[in-house]
């Protein structure tokens, strides 16, 4: 089940280190990953964590601000 998906996930995390995808249902994985890429490319300051539970059919999306901002200006 995860034989094809794991190398794809490592390639995606190599080019997009700010996107963390934890998913167990492979069928909808590429849709979620592509959706996260569109949001992440517009603002590099955000970090997304997506957890899809196929047992309870629930999708959890967490938006985490990046710990190391590009500018050294203090965030108020």
PDB file of N, CA and C in Angstrom:
ATOM      1  N   UNK A   1       0.842  -1.208   0.000  1.00  0.00           N
ATOM      2  CA  UNK A   1       0.000   0.000   0.000  1.00  0.00           C
ATOM      3  C   UNK A   1       0.874   1.254   0.000  1.00  0.00           C
ATOM      4  N   UNK A   2       1.928   1.244   0.788  1.00  0.00           N
ATOM      5  CA  UNK A   2       2.798   2.414   0.881  1.00  0.00           C
ATOM      6  C   UNK A   2       4.095   2.256   0.095  1.00  0.00           C
ATOM      7  N   UNK A   3       4.179   1.218  -0.737  1.00  0.00           N
ATOM      8  CA  UNK A   3       5.425   0.980  -1.475  1.00  0.00           C
ATOM      9  C   UNK A   3       5.668   2.089  -2.494  1.00  0.00           C
ATOM     10  N   UNK A   4       4.614   2.508  -3.189  1.00  0.00           N
ATOM     11  CA  UNK A   4       4.776   3.560  -4.191  1.00  0.00           C
ATOM     12  C   UNK A   4       4.719   4.946  -3.563  1.00  0.00           C
ATOM     13  N   UNK A   5       4.011   5.074  -2.447  1.00  0.00           N
ATOM     14  CA  UNK A   5       3.753   6.409  -1.905  1.00  0.00           C
ATOM     15  C   UNK A   5       4.928   6.952  -1.106  1.00  0.00           C
ATOM     16  N   UNK A   6       5.699   6.082  -0.454  1.00  0.00           N
ATOM     17  CA  UNK A   6       6.796   6.576   0.384  1.00  0.00           C
ATOM     18  C   UNK A   6       7.895   7.269  -0.402  1.00  0.00           C
ATOM     19  N   UNK A   7       8.397   6.746  -1.523  1.00  0.00           N
ATOM     20  CA  UNK A   7       9.405   7.515  -2.274  1.00  0.00           C
ATOM     21  C   UNK A   7       8.847   8.811  -2.839  1.00  0.00           C
ATOM     22  N   UNK A   8       7.566   8.822  -3.196  1.00  0.00           N
ATOM     23  CA  UNK A   8       6.955  10.070  -3.677  1.00  0.00           C
ATOM     24  C   UNK A   8       6.926  11.103  -2.564  1.00  0.00           C
ATOM     25  N   UNK A   9       6.621  10.653  -1.351  1.00  0.00           N
ATOM     26  CA  UNK A   9       6.565  11.577  -0.220  1.00  0.00           C
ATOM     27  C   UNK A   9       7.943  12.143   0.098  1.00  0.00           C
ATOM     28  N   UNK A  10       8.992  11.326  -0.035  1.00  0.00           N
ATOM     29  CA  UNK A  10      10.345  11.824   0.233  1.00  0.00           C
ATOM     30  C   UNK A  10      10.789  12.814  -0.833  1.00  0.00           C
ATOM     31  N   UNK A  11      10.400  12.571  -2.088  1.00  0.00           N
ATOM     32  CA  UNK A  11      10.738  13.525  -3.145  1.00  0.00           C
ATOM     33  C   UNK A  11      10.009  14.846  -2.920  1.00  0.00           C
ATOM     34  N   UNK A  12       8.751  14.761  -2.492  1.00  0.00           N
ATOM     35  CA  UNK A  12       7.974  15.979  -2.255  1.00  0.00           C
ATOM     36  C   UNK A  12       8.555  16.764  -1.087  1.00  0.00           C
ATOM     37  N   UNK A  13       8.942  16.076  -0.011  1.00  0.00           N
ATOM     38  CA  UNK A  13       9.517  16.778   1.133  1.00  0.00           C
ATOM     39  C   UNK A  13      10.898  17.331   0.816  1.00  0.00           C
ATOM     40  N   UNK A  14      11.558  16.789  -0.213  1.00  0.00           N
ATOM     41  CA  UNK A  14      12.862  17.319  -0.594  1.00  0.00           C
ATOM     42  C   UNK A  14      12.712  18.681  -1.267  1.00  0.00           C
ATOM     43  N   UNK A  15      11.722  18.815  -2.137  1.00  0.00           N
ATOM     44  CA  UNK A  15      11.517  20.082  -2.837  1.00  0.00           C
ATOM     45  C   UNK A  15      10.672  21.057  -2.021  1.00  0.00           C
ATOM     46  N   UNK A  16       9.809  20.548  -1.165  1.00  0.00           N
ATOM     47  CA  UNK A  16       8.943  21.394  -0.342  1.00  0.00           C
ATOM     48  C   UNK A  16       9.150  21.021   1.121  1.00  0.00           C
ATOM     49  N   UNK A  17      10.191  21.531   1.761  1.00  0.00           N
ATOM     50  CA  UNK A  17      10.473  21.125   3.148  1.00  0.00           C
ATOM     51  C   UNK A  17       9.472  21.684   4.149  1.00  0.00           C
ATOM     52  N   UNK A  18       8.666  22.677   3.761  1.00  0.00           N
ATOM     53  CA  UNK A  18       7.717  23.271   4.698  1.00  0.00           C
ATOM     54  C   UNK A  18       6.393  22.524   4.758  1.00  0.00           C
ATOM     55  N   UNK A  19       6.249  21.502   3.920  1.00  0.00           N
ATOM     56  CA  UNK A  19       4.985  20.773   3.877  1.00  0.00           C
ATOM     57  C   UNK A  19       5.180  19.408   4.516  1.00  0.00           C
ATOM     58  N   UNK A  20       4.407  19.151   5.558  1.00  0.00           N
ATOM     59  CA  UNK A  20       4.442  17.847   6.210  1.00  0.00           C
ATOM     60  C   UNK A  20       3.091  17.174   5.989  1.00  0.00           C
ATOM     61  N   UNK A  21       3.111  16.041   5.364  1.00  0.00           N
ATOM     62  CA  UNK A  21       1.864  15.340   5.071  1.00  0.00           C
ATOM     63  C   UNK A  21       1.909  13.958   5.709  1.00  0.00           C
ATOM     64  N   UNK A  22       0.987  13.718   6.608  1.00  0.00           N
ATOM     65  CA  UNK A  22       0.851  12.396   7.215  1.00  0.00           C
ATOM     66  C   UNK A  22      -0.517  11.867   6.800  1.00  0.00           C
ATOM     67  N   UNK A  23      -0.533  10.882   5.938  1.00  0.00           N
ATOM     68  CA  UNK A  23      -1.795  10.441   5.354  1.00  0.00           C
ATOM     69  C   UNK A  23      -1.794   8.920   5.247  1.00  0.00           C
ATOM     70  N   UNK A  24      -2.939   8.313   5.484  1.00  0.00           N
ATOM     71  CA  UNK A  24      -3.016   6.862   5.422  1.00  0.00           C
ATOM     72  C   UNK A  24      -3.854   6.398   4.241  1.00  0.00           C
ATOM     73  N   UNK A  25      -4.663   7.266   3.690  1.00  0.00           N
ATOM     74  CA  UNK A  25      -5.488   6.888   2.550  1.00  0.00           C
ATOM     75  C   UNK A  25      -4.815   7.406   1.300  1.00  0.00           C
ATOM     76  N   UNK A  26      -4.250   6.484   0.497  1.00  0.00           N
ATOM     77  CA  UNK A  26      -3.394   6.883  -0.611  1.00  0.00           C
ATOM     78  C   UNK A  26      -4.210   7.486  -1.752  1.00  0.00           C
ATOM     79  N   UNK A  27      -5.482   7.141  -1.848  1.00  0.00           N
ATOM     80  CA  UNK A  27      -6.290   7.594  -2.968  1.00  0.00           C
ATOM     81  C   UNK A  27      -6.447   9.107  -3.015  1.00  0.00           C
ATOM     82  N   UNK A  28      -6.606   9.740  -1.862  1.00  0.00           N
ATOM     83  CA  UNK A  28      -6.816  11.181  -1.810  1.00  0.00           C
ATOM     84  C   UNK A  28      -5.545  11.943  -1.477  1.00  0.00           C
ATOM     85  N   UNK A  29      -4.426  11.229  -1.377  1.00  0.00           N
ATOM     86  CA  UNK A  29      -3.196  11.864  -0.910  1.00  0.00           C
ATOM     87  C   UNK A  29      -2.713  12.935  -1.880  1.00  0.00           C
ATOM     88  N   UNK A  30      -2.743  12.635  -3.181  1.00  0.00           N
ATOM     89  CA  UNK A  30      -2.178  13.564  -4.152  1.00  0.00           C
ATOM     90  C   UNK A  30      -3.023  14.827  -4.257  1.00  0.00           C
ATOM     91  N   UNK A  31      -4.316  14.723  -4.027  1.00  0.00           N
ATOM     92  CA  UNK A  31      -5.174  15.910  -4.058  1.00  0.00           C
ATOM     93  C   UNK A  31      -4.828  16.828  -2.897  1.00  0.00           C
ATOM     94  N   UNK A  32      -4.643  16.270  -1.717  1.00  0.00           N
ATOM     95  CA  UNK A  32      -4.310  17.063  -0.546  1.00  0.00           C
ATOM     96  C   UNK A  32      -2.929  17.692  -0.691  1.00  0.00           C
ATOM     97  N   UNK A  33      -1.969  16.922  -1.219  1.00  0.00           N
ATOM     98  CA  UNK A  33      -0.614  17.438  -1.371  1.00  0.00           C
ATOM     99  C   UNK A  33      -0.593  18.581  -2.381  1.00  0.00           C
ATOM    100  N   UNK A  34      -1.320  18.435  -3.482  1.00  0.00           N
ATOM    101  CA  UNK A  34      -1.349  19.483  -4.495  1.00  0.00           C
ATOM    102  C   UNK A  34      -2.031  20.729  -3.944  1.00  0.00           C
ATOM    103  N   UNK A  35      -3.038  20.561  -3.120  1.00  0.00           N
ATOM    104  CA  UNK A  35      -3.732  21.687  -2.511  1.00  0.00           C
ATOM    105  C   UNK A  35      -2.816  22.424  -1.535  1.00  0.00           C
ATOM    106  N   UNK A  36      -1.985  21.669  -0.817  1.00  0.00           N
ATOM    107  CA  UNK A  36      -1.068  22.300   0.124  1.00  0.00           C
ATOM    108  C   UNK A  36       0.055  23.026  -0.600  1.00  0.00           C
ATOM    109  N   UNK A  37       0.461  22.523  -1.763  1.00  0.00           N
ATOM    110  CA  UNK A  37       1.515  23.192  -2.516  1.00  0.00           C
ATOM    111  C   UNK A  37       1.070  24.574  -2.958  1.00  0.00           C
ATOM    112  N   UNK A  38      -0.181  24.714  -3.398  1.00  0.00           N
ATOM    113  CA  UNK A  38      -0.668  25.996  -3.878  1.00  0.00           C
ATOM    114  C   UNK A  38      -0.682  27.026  -2.755  1.00  0.00           C
ATOM    115  N   UNK A  39      -1.042  26.594  -1.550  1.00  0.00           N
ATOM    116  CA  UNK A  39      -1.072  27.525  -0.429  1.00  0.00           C
ATOM    117  C   UNK A  39       0.339  27.829   0.049  1.00  0.00           C
ATOM    118  N   UNK A  40       1.207  26.819   0.065  1.00  0.00           N
ATOM    119  CA  UNK A  40       2.541  27.001   0.626  1.00  0.00           C
ATOM    120  C   UNK A  40       3.414  27.863  -0.276  1.00  0.00           C
ATOM    121  N   UNK A  41       3.184  27.814  -1.589  1.00  0.00           N
ATOM    122  CA  UNK A  41       4.016  28.604  -2.481  1.00  0.00           C
ATOM    123  C   UNK A  41       3.723  30.094  -2.364  1.00  0.00           C
ATOM    124  N   UNK A  42       2.480  30.451  -2.035  1.00  0.00           N
ATOM    125  CA  UNK A  42       2.130  31.869  -1.921  1.00  0.00           C
ATOM    126  C   UNK A  42       2.749  32.481  -0.668  1.00  0.00           C
ATOM    127  N   UNK A  43       2.751  31.755   0.417  1.00  0.00           N
ATOM    128  CA  UNK A  43       3.319  32.278   1.666  1.00  0.00           C
ATOM    129  C   UNK A  43       4.238  31.224   2.259  1.00  0.00           C
ATOM    130  N   UNK A  44       5.531  31.475   2.205  1.00  0.00           N
ATOM    131  CA  UNK A  44       6.487  30.512   2.733  1.00  0.00           C
ATOM    132  C   UNK A  44       6.590  30.532   4.241  1.00  0.00           C
ATOM    133  N   UNK A  45       5.857  31.438   4.882  1.00  0.00           N
ATOM    134  CA  UNK A  45       5.942  31.569   6.327  1.00  0.00           C
ATOM    135  C   UNK A  45       5.053  30.554   7.044  1.00  0.00           C
ATOM    136  N   UNK A  46       4.220  29.858   6.305  1.00  0.00           N
ATOM    137  CA  UNK A  46       3.281  28.938   6.934  1.00  0.00           C
ATOM    138  C   UNK A  46       3.726  27.501   6.731  1.00  0.00           C
ATOM    139  N   UNK A  47       3.388  26.679   7.676  1.00  0.00           N
ATOM    140  CA  UNK A  47       3.715  25.258   7.621  1.00  0.00           C
ATOM    141  C   UNK A  47       2.424  24.475   7.851  1.00  0.00           C
ATOM    142  N   UNK A  48       2.189  23.505   6.986  1.00  0.00           N
ATOM    143  CA  UNK A  48       0.920  22.791   7.035  1.00  0.00           C
ATOM    144  C   UNK A  48       1.138  21.344   7.447  1.00  0.00           C
ATOM    145  N   UNK A  49       0.284  20.876   8.316  1.00  0.00           N
ATOM    146  CA  UNK A  49       0.293  19.466   8.715  1.00  0.00           C
ATOM    147  C   UNK A  49      -1.096  18.893   8.448  1.00  0.00           C
ATOM    148  N   UNK A  50      -1.158  17.889   7.602  1.00  0.00           N
ATOM    149  CA  UNK A  50      -2.436  17.288   7.239  1.00  0.00           C
ATOM    150  C   UNK A  50      -2.444  15.845   7.709  1.00  0.00           C
ATOM    151  N   UNK A  51      -3.437  15.498   8.477  1.00  0.00           N
ATOM    152  CA  UNK A  51      -3.604  14.122   8.936  1.00  0.00           C
ATOM    153  C   UNK A  51      -4.993  13.656   8.514  1.00  0.00           C
ATOM    154  N   UNK A  52      -5.031  12.637   7.658  1.00  0.00           N
ATOM    155  CA  UNK A  52      -6.315  12.078   7.223  1.00  0.00           C
ATOM    156  C   UNK A  52      -6.478  10.691   7.820  1.00  0.00           C
ATOM    157  N   UNK A  53      -7.534  10.515   8.591  1.00  0.00           N
ATOM    158  CA  UNK A  53      -7.800   9.225   9.221  1.00  0.00           C
ATOM    159  C   UNK A  53      -8.890   8.519   8.423  1.00  0.00           C
ATOM    160  N   UNK A  54      -8.508   7.451   7.716  1.00  0.00           N
ATOM    161  CA  UNK A  54      -9.489   6.756   6.884  1.00  0.00           C
ATOM    162  C   UNK A  54     -10.408   5.861   7.711  1.00  0.00           C
ATOM    163  N   UNK A  55     -10.069   5.632   8.976  1.00  0.00           N
ATOM    164  CA  UNK A  55     -10.932   4.808   9.815  1.00  0.00           C
ATOM    165  C   UNK A  55     -12.173   5.600  10.225  1.00  0.00           C
ATOM    166  N   UNK A  56     -11.965   6.829  10.692  1.00  0.00           N
ATOM    167  CA  UNK A  56     -13.089   7.670  11.102  1.00  0.00           C
ATOM    168  C   UNK A  56     -13.500   8.649  10.011  1.00  0.00           C
ATOM    169  N   UNK A  57     -12.787   8.622   8.863  1.00  0.00           N
ATOM    170  CA  UNK A  57     -13.088   9.495   7.720  1.00  0.00           C
ATOM    171  C   UNK A  57     -13.060  10.966   8.129  1.00  0.00           C
ATOM    172  N   UNK A  58     -12.030  11.350   8.844  1.00  0.00           N
ATOM    173  CA  UNK A  58     -11.895  12.738   9.271  1.00  0.00           C
ATOM    174  C   UNK A  58     -10.574  13.297   8.767  1.00  0.00           C
ATOM    175  N   UNK A  59     -10.599  14.563   8.396  1.00  0.00           N
ATOM    176  CA  UNK A  59      -9.411  15.239   7.882  1.00  0.00           C
ATOM    177  C   UNK A  59      -9.018  16.338   8.855  1.00  0.00           C
ATOM    178  N   UNK A  60      -7.777  16.297   9.317  1.00  0.00           N
ATOM    179  CA  UNK A  60      -7.280  17.304  10.244  1.00  0.00           C
ATOM    180  C   UNK A  60      -6.228  18.142   9.535  1.00  0.00           C
ATOM    181  N   UNK A  61      -6.404  19.452   9.540  1.00  0.00           N
ATOM    182  CA  UNK A  61      -5.454  20.359   8.904  1.00  0.00           C
ATOM    183  C   UNK A  61      -4.943  21.320   9.968  1.00  0.00           C
ATOM    184  N   UNK A  62      -3.639  21.325  10.161  1.00  0.00           N
ATOM    185  CA  UNK A  62      -3.022  22.210  11.137  1.00  0.00           C
ATOM    186  C   UNK A  62      -2.138  23.213  10.406  1.00  0.00           C
ATOM    187  N   UNK A  63      -2.323  24.490  10.698  1.00  0.00           N
ATOM    188  CA  UNK A  63      -1.491  25.537  10.113  1.00  0.00           C
ATOM    189  C   UNK A  63      -0.556  26.047  11.209  1.00  0.00           C
ATOM    190  N   UNK A  64       0.736  25.815  11.009  1.00  0.00           N
ATOM    191  CA  UNK A  64       1.733  26.190  12.014  1.00  0.00           C
ATOM    192  C   UNK A  64       2.646  27.248  11.404  1.00  0.00           C
ATOM    193  N   UNK A  65       2.845  28.345  12.136  1.00  0.00           N
ATOM    194  CA  UNK A  65       3.743  29.385  11.645  1.00  0.00           C
ATOM    195  C   UNK A  65       5.184  28.895  11.705  1.00  0.00           C
ATOM    196  N   UNK A  66       5.968  29.349  10.757  1.00  0.00           N
ATOM    197  CA  UNK A  66       7.357  28.913  10.679  1.00  0.00           C
ATOM    198  C   UNK A  66       8.139  29.457  11.873  1.00  0.00           C
ATOM    199  N   UNK A  67       9.018  28.632  12.421  1.00  0.00           N
ATOM    200  CA  UNK A  67       9.775  29.032  13.609  1.00  0.00           C
ATOM    201  C   UNK A  67      10.842  30.056  13.238  1.00  0.00           C
ATOM    202  N   UNK A  68      11.463  29.897  12.089  1.00  0.00           N
ATOM    203  CA  UNK A  68      12.535  30.811  11.687  1.00  0.00           C
ATOM    204  C   UNK A  68      12.056  31.664  10.516  1.00  0.00           C
ATOM    205  N   UNK A  69      11.625  32.900  10.770  1.00  0.00           N
ATOM    206  CA  UNK A  69      11.194  33.774   9.682  1.00  0.00           C
ATOM    207  C   UNK A  69      12.375  34.256   8.855  1.00  0.00           C
ATOM    208  N   UNK A  70      12.087  34.653   7.618  1.00  0.00           N
ATOM    209  CA  UNK A  70      13.161  35.077   6.733  1.00  0.00           C
ATOM    210  C   UNK A  70      13.714  36.436   7.146  1.00  0.00           C
ATOM    211  N   UNK A  71      12.827  37.361   7.529  1.00  0.00           N
ATOM    212  CA  UNK A  71      13.301  38.673   7.975  1.00  0.00           C
ATOM    213  C   UNK A  71      13.591  38.640   9.471  1.00  0.00           C
ATOM    214  N   UNK A  72      14.554  39.415   9.883  1.00  0.00           N
ATOM    215  CA  UNK A  72      14.932  39.439  11.294  1.00  0.00           C
ATOM    216  C   UNK A  72      14.136  40.476  12.081  1.00  0.00           C
ATOM    217  N   UNK A  73      13.126  41.055  11.452  1.00  0.00           N
ATOM    218  CA  UNK A  73      12.304  42.026  12.167  1.00  0.00           C
ATOM    219  C   UNK A  73      11.492  41.318  13.249  1.00  0.00           C
ATOM    220  N   UNK A  74      11.370  41.929  14.421  1.00  0.00           N
ATOM    221  CA  UNK A  74      10.587  41.293  15.487  1.00  0.00           C
ATOM    222  C   UNK A  74       9.102  41.273  15.126  1.00  0.00           C
ATOM    223  N   UNK A  75       8.483  40.133  15.364  1.00  0.00           N
ATOM    224  CA  UNK A  75       7.060  39.991  15.073  1.00  0.00           C
ATOM    225  C   UNK A  75       6.262  40.464  16.278  1.00  0.00           C
ATOM    226  N   UNK A  76       5.434  41.474  16.063  1.00  0.00           N
ATOM    227  CA  UNK A  76       4.636  42.039  17.162  1.00  0.00           C
ATOM    228  C   UNK A  76       3.238  41.439  17.110  1.00  0.00           C
TER     229      UNK A  76
END
